[in-house]
Amino acid sequence: MKTHLAKRVVIVIEEPMRGRLEKALRDSGVTGFSILPVLGGHGRSGSWSSEGQVSRSGGMVQFVCITSPERLDALLEGAFAVVERHMGVVTVSDCEVLRAHRF
């Protein structure tokens, strides 16, 4: 099967910023993404876990989206406008997709 080059963007951000990031991604032309709960992790500030949290305010979520290389800069500009003032990590990697027209 023929595959097409694309970019996979993963953004981990605080749960309360979820709505702002969703809007920023849509406004930048992203056609789809998935949002996953983040159960815990370890970083510069040490370890953390969502275990035992009563509200979503202390949690983190992970956005995963695939985009065409041509749309990547707009996506990153929109995402960074939200992430730069909050805890978060943005990664970009190369991937291949079967149906390029969807991205």
Protein backbone atom coordinates (compact mmCIF):
# COMPACT_ATOMS: atom_id res chain seq x y z
CA MET A 1 0.00 0.00 0.00
CA LYS A 2 1.12 3.53 -0.69
CA THR A 3 1.69 5.72 2.35
CA HIS A 4 2.05 9.48 2.63
CA LEU A 5 4.26 11.51 4.94
CA ALA A 6 2.50 13.36 7.77
CA LYS A 7 3.30 14.87 11.16
CA ARG A 8 2.15 13.47 14.50
CA VAL A 9 1.78 16.12 17.18
CA VAL A 10 1.34 15.17 20.83
CA ILE A 11 0.50 17.84 23.39
CA VAL A 12 0.28 17.15 27.12
CA ILE A 13 -1.41 19.97 29.02
CA GLU A 14 -3.30 20.65 32.23
CA GLU A 15 -6.94 19.52 32.07
CA PRO A 16 -8.39 23.00 32.75
CA MET A 17 -6.72 24.23 29.52
CA ARG A 18 -8.40 21.55 27.44
CA GLY A 19 -11.13 23.79 25.99
CA ARG A 20 -8.69 26.55 25.03
CA LEU A 21 -6.40 24.10 23.29
CA GLU A 22 -9.30 22.46 21.45
CA LYS A 23 -10.36 25.89 20.14
CA ALA A 24 -6.79 26.82 19.17
CA LEU A 25 -6.39 23.57 17.22
CA ARG A 26 -9.69 24.00 15.39
CA ASP A 27 -8.92 27.67 14.62
CA SER A 28 -5.55 26.63 13.14
CA GLY A 29 -7.22 24.25 10.68
CA VAL A 30 -6.74 20.92 12.44
CA THR A 31 -9.36 18.51 11.11
CA GLY A 32 -9.23 15.99 13.95
CA PHE A 33 -7.57 14.98 17.18
CA SER A 34 -7.94 12.57 20.07
CA ILE A 35 -7.84 13.49 23.74
CA LEU A 36 -6.56 10.96 26.27
CA PRO A 37 -6.37 11.12 30.06
CA VAL A 38 -2.86 11.16 31.53
CA LEU A 39 -2.72 9.03 34.68
CA GLY A 40 0.61 10.24 35.98
CA GLY A 41 4.17 10.99 35.11
CA HIS A 42 7.51 12.38 36.10
CA GLY A 43 9.20 15.57 34.99
CA ARG A 44 11.26 18.54 36.08
CA SER A 45 9.01 19.12 39.10
CA GLY A 46 9.08 15.47 40.16
CA SER A 47 6.49 12.70 40.05
CA TRP A 48 2.75 13.20 40.07
CA SER A 49 -0.35 11.05 39.81
CA SER A 50 -4.04 11.64 39.21
CA GLU A 51 -4.81 8.89 41.72
CA GLY A 52 -7.13 10.10 44.46
CA GLN A 53 -7.96 13.44 42.82
CA VAL A 54 -11.56 14.45 43.31
CA SER A 55 -11.69 17.09 40.57
CA ARG A 56 -10.17 17.38 37.14
CA SER A 57 -8.32 20.59 38.02
CA GLY A 58 -5.07 18.84 38.91
CA GLY A 59 -5.07 16.40 36.03
CA MET A 60 -3.40 16.35 32.65
CA VAL A 61 -4.65 15.36 29.21
CA GLN A 62 -2.86 14.36 26.04
CA PHE A 63 -3.92 15.59 22.61
CA VAL A 64 -2.81 13.48 19.66
CA CYS A 65 -3.26 14.76 16.17
CA ILE A 66 -1.98 13.96 12.70
CA THR A 67 -1.57 16.76 10.19
CA SER A 68 -0.02 17.42 6.83
CA PRO A 69 3.46 18.96 6.84
CA GLU A 70 1.97 22.08 5.21
CA ARG A 71 -0.39 22.67 8.17
CA LEU A 72 2.17 22.01 10.89
CA ASP A 73 3.34 25.60 11.47
CA ALA A 74 -0.21 26.91 11.93
CA LEU A 75 -0.98 24.08 14.35
CA LEU A 76 2.16 24.74 16.41
CA GLU A 77 1.56 28.50 16.53
CA GLY A 78 -1.99 27.99 17.79
CA ALA A 79 -0.97 25.34 20.31
CA PHE A 80 2.02 27.29 21.60
CA ALA A 81 -0.15 30.34 22.26
CA VAL A 82 -1.98 28.18 24.83
CA VAL A 83 0.87 26.00 26.12
CA GLU A 84 3.52 28.69 26.62
CA ARG A 85 1.86 30.07 29.77
CA HIS A 86 1.05 26.70 31.35
CA MET A 87 2.58 23.34 32.13
CA GLY A 88 2.75 21.32 28.98
CA VAL A 89 4.86 19.43 26.49
CA VAL A 90 4.61 19.52 22.71
CA THR A 91 6.31 16.90 20.56
CA VAL A 92 6.37 16.51 16.79
CA SER A 93 7.35 13.36 14.94
CA ASP A 94 7.20 12.06 11.40
CA CYS A 95 4.63 9.42 10.56
CA GLU A 96 2.99 7.90 7.52
CA VAL A 97 -0.71 7.69 6.75
CA LEU A 98 -2.73 5.73 4.23
CA ARG A 99 -5.33 8.39 3.39
CA ALA A 100 -3.49 11.72 3.13
CA HIS A 101 -6.62 13.61 2.05
CA ARG A 102 -8.02 13.24 5.58
CA PHE A 103 -5.21 15.27 7.13
